[in-house]
Amino acid sequence: MVRIDPSPMLRYTRGSSEPPLHNSVYQVASLLVGLFGANIVAFWVFTAGNEEAVKNLQVLPVLLFLSVVGAFLWPFGGWHQRGRWRFLR
């Protein structure tokens, strides 16, 4: 069993110059919804109910998973870098 202490994540403090925490949560949620939406629309467009196409495009869910993981592991600064590093730690 993995023992993860959630208390440091709950005591997440921000400076006065930073936007409120709920704005950051909404931005991350919007990104994840956008990734999922684009993936599901691509799946519907490319498969169009064809069973053989569904079998051939089984890579789409894997690409969605990799894009979500990639969003959290993005090595460049800027987009919620402090929160991402805190989550990964």
C-alpha atoms as a PDB file:
ATOM      1  CA  MET A   1       0.000   0.000   0.000  1.00  0.00           C
ATOM      2  CA  VAL A   2       1.196   3.481  -0.846  1.00  0.00           C
ATOM      3  CA  ARG A   3       1.055   5.958   2.007  1.00  0.00           C
ATOM      4  CA  ILE A   4       0.385   9.435   0.673  1.00  0.00           C
ATOM      5  CA  ASP A   5      -0.074  12.313   3.085  1.00  0.00           C
ATOM      6  CA  PRO A   6      -2.641  14.692   1.506  1.00  0.00           C
ATOM      7  CA  SER A   7      -2.226  17.446   4.107  1.00  0.00           C
ATOM      8  CA  PRO A   8       0.546  19.329   2.203  1.00  0.00           C
ATOM      9  CA  MET A   9      -1.720  19.500  -0.853  1.00  0.00           C
ATOM     10  CA  LEU A  10      -4.592  20.856   1.231  1.00  0.00           C
ATOM     11  CA  ARG A  11      -2.436  23.630   2.708  1.00  0.00           C
ATOM     12  CA  TYR A  12      -1.609  25.009  -0.717  1.00  0.00           C
ATOM     13  CA  THR A  13      -0.849  28.707  -0.260  1.00  0.00           C
ATOM     14  CA  ARG A  14      -0.585  31.309  -2.956  1.00  0.00           C
ATOM     15  CA  GLY A  15       0.932  34.732  -3.027  1.00  0.00           C
ATOM     16  CA  SER A  16      -1.207  37.853  -3.160  1.00  0.00           C
ATOM     17  CA  SER A  17      -0.127  38.550  -6.741  1.00  0.00           C
ATOM     18  CA  GLU A  18      -1.361  35.160  -7.952  1.00  0.00           C
ATOM     19  CA  PRO A  19      -4.966  34.572  -9.052  1.00  0.00           C
ATOM     20  CA  PRO A  20      -7.296  32.657  -6.721  1.00  0.00           C
ATOM     21  CA  LEU A  21      -6.809  28.893  -6.563  1.00  0.00           C
ATOM     22  CA  HIS A  22     -10.188  28.110  -8.086  1.00  0.00           C
ATOM     23  CA  ASN A  23      -9.108  29.836 -11.319  1.00  0.00           C
ATOM     24  CA  SER A  24      -6.188  27.422 -11.608  1.00  0.00           C
ATOM     25  CA  VAL A  25      -8.450  24.456 -10.907  1.00  0.00           C
ATOM     26  CA  TYR A  26     -10.850  25.592 -13.634  1.00  0.00           C
ATOM     27  CA  GLN A  27      -7.975  26.024 -16.105  1.00  0.00           C
ATOM     28  CA  VAL A  28      -6.659  22.516 -15.459  1.00  0.00           C
ATOM     29  CA  ALA A  29     -10.174  21.080 -15.640  1.00  0.00           C
ATOM     30  CA  SER A  30     -10.781  22.943 -18.917  1.00  0.00           C
ATOM     31  CA  LEU A  31      -7.601  21.500 -20.393  1.00  0.00           C
ATOM     32  CA  LEU A  32      -8.582  17.965 -19.387  1.00  0.00           C
ATOM     33  CA  VAL A  33     -12.129  18.386 -20.717  1.00  0.00           C
ATOM     34  CA  GLY A  34     -10.707  19.771 -23.968  1.00  0.00           C
ATOM     35  CA  LEU A  35      -8.359  16.806 -24.365  1.00  0.00           C
ATOM     36  CA  PHE A  36     -11.154  14.333 -23.679  1.00  0.00           C
ATOM     37  CA  GLY A  37     -13.585  16.166 -25.948  1.00  0.00           C
ATOM     38  CA  ALA A  38     -11.128  16.293 -28.838  1.00  0.00           C
ATOM     39  CA  ASN A  39     -10.351  12.612 -28.371  1.00  0.00           C
ATOM     40  CA  ILE A  40     -13.975  11.479 -28.277  1.00  0.00           C
ATOM     41  CA  VAL A  41     -14.938  13.644 -31.270  1.00  0.00           C
ATOM     42  CA  ALA A  42     -11.996  12.225 -33.245  1.00  0.00           C
ATOM     43  CA  PHE A  43     -13.112   8.731 -32.277  1.00  0.00           C
ATOM     44  CA  TRP A  44     -16.695   9.369 -33.416  1.00  0.00           C
ATOM     45  CA  VAL A  45     -15.601  11.014 -36.674  1.00  0.00           C
ATOM     46  CA  PHE A  46     -13.046   8.380 -37.642  1.00  0.00           C
ATOM     47  CA  THR A  47     -15.051   5.303 -36.613  1.00  0.00           C
ATOM     48  CA  ALA A  48     -18.579   6.404 -37.627  1.00  0.00           C
ATOM     49  CA  GLY A  49     -20.019   3.260 -36.040  1.00  0.00           C
ATOM     50  CA  ASN A  50     -17.855   0.927 -38.124  1.00  0.00           C
ATOM     51  CA  GLU A  51     -16.746  -2.003 -35.969  1.00  0.00           C
ATOM     52  CA  GLU A  52     -13.574  -2.574 -37.967  1.00  0.00           C
ATOM     53  CA  ALA A  53     -12.581   1.097 -37.620  1.00  0.00           C
ATOM     54  CA  VAL A  54     -13.102   0.866 -33.854  1.00  0.00           C
ATOM     55  CA  LYS A  55     -10.655  -2.041 -33.727  1.00  0.00           C
ATOM     56  CA  ASN A  56      -8.145  -0.147 -35.877  1.00  0.00           C
ATOM     57  CA  LEU A  57      -8.327   3.027 -33.760  1.00  0.00           C
ATOM     58  CA  GLN A  58      -7.713   1.493 -30.353  1.00  0.00           C
ATOM     59  CA  VAL A  59      -4.704   3.793 -30.115  1.00  0.00           C
ATOM     60  CA  LEU A  60      -6.918   6.856 -29.461  1.00  0.00           C
ATOM     61  CA  PRO A  61      -7.553   6.092 -25.754  1.00  0.00           C
ATOM     62  CA  VAL A  62      -3.823   5.510 -25.315  1.00  0.00           C
ATOM     63  CA  LEU A  63      -3.109   8.883 -26.913  1.00  0.00           C
ATOM     64  CA  LEU A  64      -5.572  10.523 -24.519  1.00  0.00           C
ATOM     65  CA  PHE A  65      -3.839   8.937 -21.540  1.00  0.00           C
ATOM     66  CA  LEU A  66      -0.404   9.996 -22.803  1.00  0.00           C
ATOM     67  CA  SER A  67      -1.580  13.556 -23.420  1.00  0.00           C
ATOM     68  CA  VAL A  68      -2.956  13.850 -19.859  1.00  0.00           C
ATOM     69  CA  VAL A  69       0.276  12.475 -18.404  1.00  0.00           C
ATOM     70  CA  GLY A  70       2.226  14.782 -20.715  1.00  0.00           C
ATOM     71  CA  ALA A  71       0.274  17.801 -19.470  1.00  0.00           C
ATOM     72  CA  PHE A  72       1.376  17.055 -15.909  1.00  0.00           C
ATOM     73  CA  LEU A  73       4.964  16.271 -16.872  1.00  0.00           C
ATOM     74  CA  TRP A  74       5.363  19.265 -19.220  1.00  0.00           C
ATOM     75  CA  PRO A  75       9.021  20.256 -18.653  1.00  0.00           C
ATOM     76  CA  PHE A  76       8.695  23.919 -19.557  1.00  0.00           C
ATOM     77  CA  GLY A  77       7.709  26.613 -17.104  1.00  0.00           C
ATOM     78  CA  GLY A  78       4.710  28.792 -17.153  1.00  0.00           C
ATOM     79  CA  TRP A  79       1.546  26.738 -17.013  1.00  0.00           C
ATOM     80  CA  HIS A  80       0.997  26.081 -13.276  1.00  0.00           C
ATOM     81  CA  GLN A  81       4.560  24.881 -12.833  1.00  0.00           C
ATOM     82  CA  ARG A  82       4.567  25.211  -9.049  1.00  0.00           C
ATOM     83  CA  GLY A  83       1.354  23.226  -8.657  1.00  0.00           C
ATOM     84  CA  ARG A  84       2.455  20.509 -11.096  1.00  0.00           C
ATOM     85  CA  TRP A  85       5.769  20.011  -9.280  1.00  0.00           C
ATOM     86  CA  ARG A  86       3.948  19.914  -5.982  1.00  0.00           C
ATOM     87  CA  PHE A  87       1.560  17.269  -7.352  1.00  0.00           C
ATOM     88  CA  LEU A  88       4.431  15.169  -8.731  1.00  0.00           C
ATOM     89  CA  ARG A  89       6.379  15.419  -5.503  1.00  0.00           C
END
